């Protein structure tokens, strides 16, 4: 995970707040953390985990998802961002932000302008019962 700020390589961790120079961080550099908090100095971060596609089918995202979100995304500053997933060709991500559903597949990253607020992130598969290790990548617009 990398954060570029004024030519320095800074660690990117759970929380990012605009403080000038390197962003203020909380906790260690943990890609398995469930919380993803993005502030104004955000460039890119990853989160990893294991997904098991349960019998909870979501027609909007055309996939099988766990009933509980694996990650919570908090956007502190509205910004353009891309979310992508890797780990299985069948991987699909459901992002639930208020009443809005957004979908990400292994071959189709989601790029949009994200407004301040929270979103729940569910990682699943188009194949019921599939279990796989995944990596979510959050990339800010530069």
Foldseek 3Di string as FASTA:
>chain_A
DFFAAPNDTDADDQEFEDDHGGTDDDDDRALQDQEHEDYDRDFKDKHKDKFWFAPCADPVQLGGWDPAFSHKYFYQAWFKKKKEKDWDQFKKKWKAFPPDTDMYGNVRIDIDTDHGDMIGIIIGGNDHGDMTMMMMMMGTDD
